[in-house]
Structures are given as structure tokens and as C-alpha cells.
Amino acid sequence: MITKVVNRSEMQELDGNYVSGYTYFGLSTDVKPSLDESGNASVFVEIDTGNVLFYDGSSQAWLAFPV
């Protein structure tokens, strides 16, 4: 089960890109939210692995944060 812990804030422009501010927590096996449910630069924390993913609105994909 995915938990959304930060409500959507007003869309804000940052260097020409718009970000929305969703943060999700869930398992690595959970289906990640889609573009309709997530904004650009939203964050997904996999609580079982510790991986942090960011949603890239341009590619419409969840990308792993480089460690």
C-alpha cells in the first residue's frame, strides 16, 4: 500500500519547470503512481530498500536518485 504524506502544494515554477511536491512512501514492489497522480519532481521512498526515486515529468518515469 502506498501512502502519500505531503499534500499537493500550488504548482511552482523552478528554472522553467513546474513542481508539485508529492511525497510517497511504499514498498519496492508497489506500482508507482502515474503522471495523472504525480507531479514533476515528486518523490517516492521505498521503505523496504531505502531507495529514493524522483518523478521526471519529461520522460514520465520514476528515476532512481544517484547515490
Protein backbone atom coordinates (compact mmCIF):
# COMPACT_ATOMS: atom_id res chain seq x y z
CA MET A 1 0.00 0.00 0.00
CA ILE A 2 1.33 3.43 -0.97
CA THR A 3 0.99 6.32 1.45
CA LYS A 4 1.00 9.91 0.22
CA VAL A 5 2.30 12.03 3.08
CA VAL A 6 2.58 15.51 1.61
CA ASN A 7 -0.40 17.19 0.04
CA ARG A 8 -0.06 18.83 -3.33
CA SER A 9 1.03 22.41 -3.00
CA GLU A 10 0.37 25.07 -5.56
CA MET A 11 2.32 24.48 -8.74
CA GLN A 12 5.55 26.43 -8.56
CA GLU A 13 7.97 27.30 -11.33
CA LEU A 14 11.59 26.37 -10.73
CA ASP A 15 14.04 27.12 -13.56
CA GLY A 16 11.29 26.81 -16.17
CA ASN A 17 9.95 23.53 -14.76
CA TYR A 18 6.85 23.11 -12.67
CA VAL A 19 6.95 21.05 -9.49
CA SER A 20 4.09 19.91 -7.32
CA GLY A 21 5.52 18.48 -4.13
CA TYR A 22 4.04 15.00 -3.65
CA THR A 23 5.96 12.60 -1.44
CA TYR A 24 5.07 8.91 -1.36
CA PHE A 25 6.18 6.00 0.82
CA GLY A 26 5.66 2.40 -0.22
CA LEU A 27 7.31 -0.93 -0.97
CA SER A 28 9.63 -1.51 -3.92
CA THR A 29 7.05 -3.98 -5.28
CA ASP A 30 4.23 -1.39 -5.24
CA VAL A 31 3.04 0.04 -8.55
CA LYS A 32 4.30 3.62 -8.61
CA PRO A 33 1.76 6.43 -9.15
CA SER A 34 1.26 7.59 -12.73
CA LEU A 35 1.62 11.06 -14.23
CA ASP A 36 -2.07 11.69 -13.55
CA GLU A 37 -1.41 11.12 -9.83
CA SER A 38 2.09 12.60 -9.54
CA GLY A 39 3.66 15.89 -10.38
CA ASN A 40 7.07 16.56 -11.81
CA ALA A 41 9.76 16.15 -9.12
CA SER A 42 7.56 14.11 -6.80
CA VAL A 43 9.46 11.72 -4.51
CA PHE A 44 8.87 8.01 -3.82
CA VAL A 45 10.71 6.37 -0.90
CA GLU A 46 10.85 2.57 -0.97
CA ILE A 47 10.66 1.72 2.72
CA ASP A 48 11.91 -1.86 2.28
CA THR A 49 15.05 -0.95 0.28
CA GLY A 50 15.70 2.66 1.24
CA ASN A 51 15.82 3.66 -2.44
CA VAL A 52 14.63 7.15 -3.31
CA LEU A 53 13.01 7.79 -6.71
CA PHE A 54 12.09 11.09 -8.35
CA TYR A 55 9.37 11.50 -10.95
CA ASP A 56 10.64 13.06 -14.17
CA GLY A 57 7.69 14.60 -15.98
CA SER A 58 9.64 14.88 -19.24
CA SER A 59 10.27 11.15 -19.55
CA GLN A 60 7.17 10.24 -17.48
CA ALA A 61 9.25 7.81 -15.43
CA TRP A 62 10.39 7.28 -11.87
CA LEU A 63 14.18 7.69 -11.76
CA ALA A 64 16.49 6.44 -9.02
CA PHE A 65 18.30 9.11 -7.06
CA PRO A 66 22.04 8.73 -7.81
CA VAL A 67 23.98 7.66 -4.77
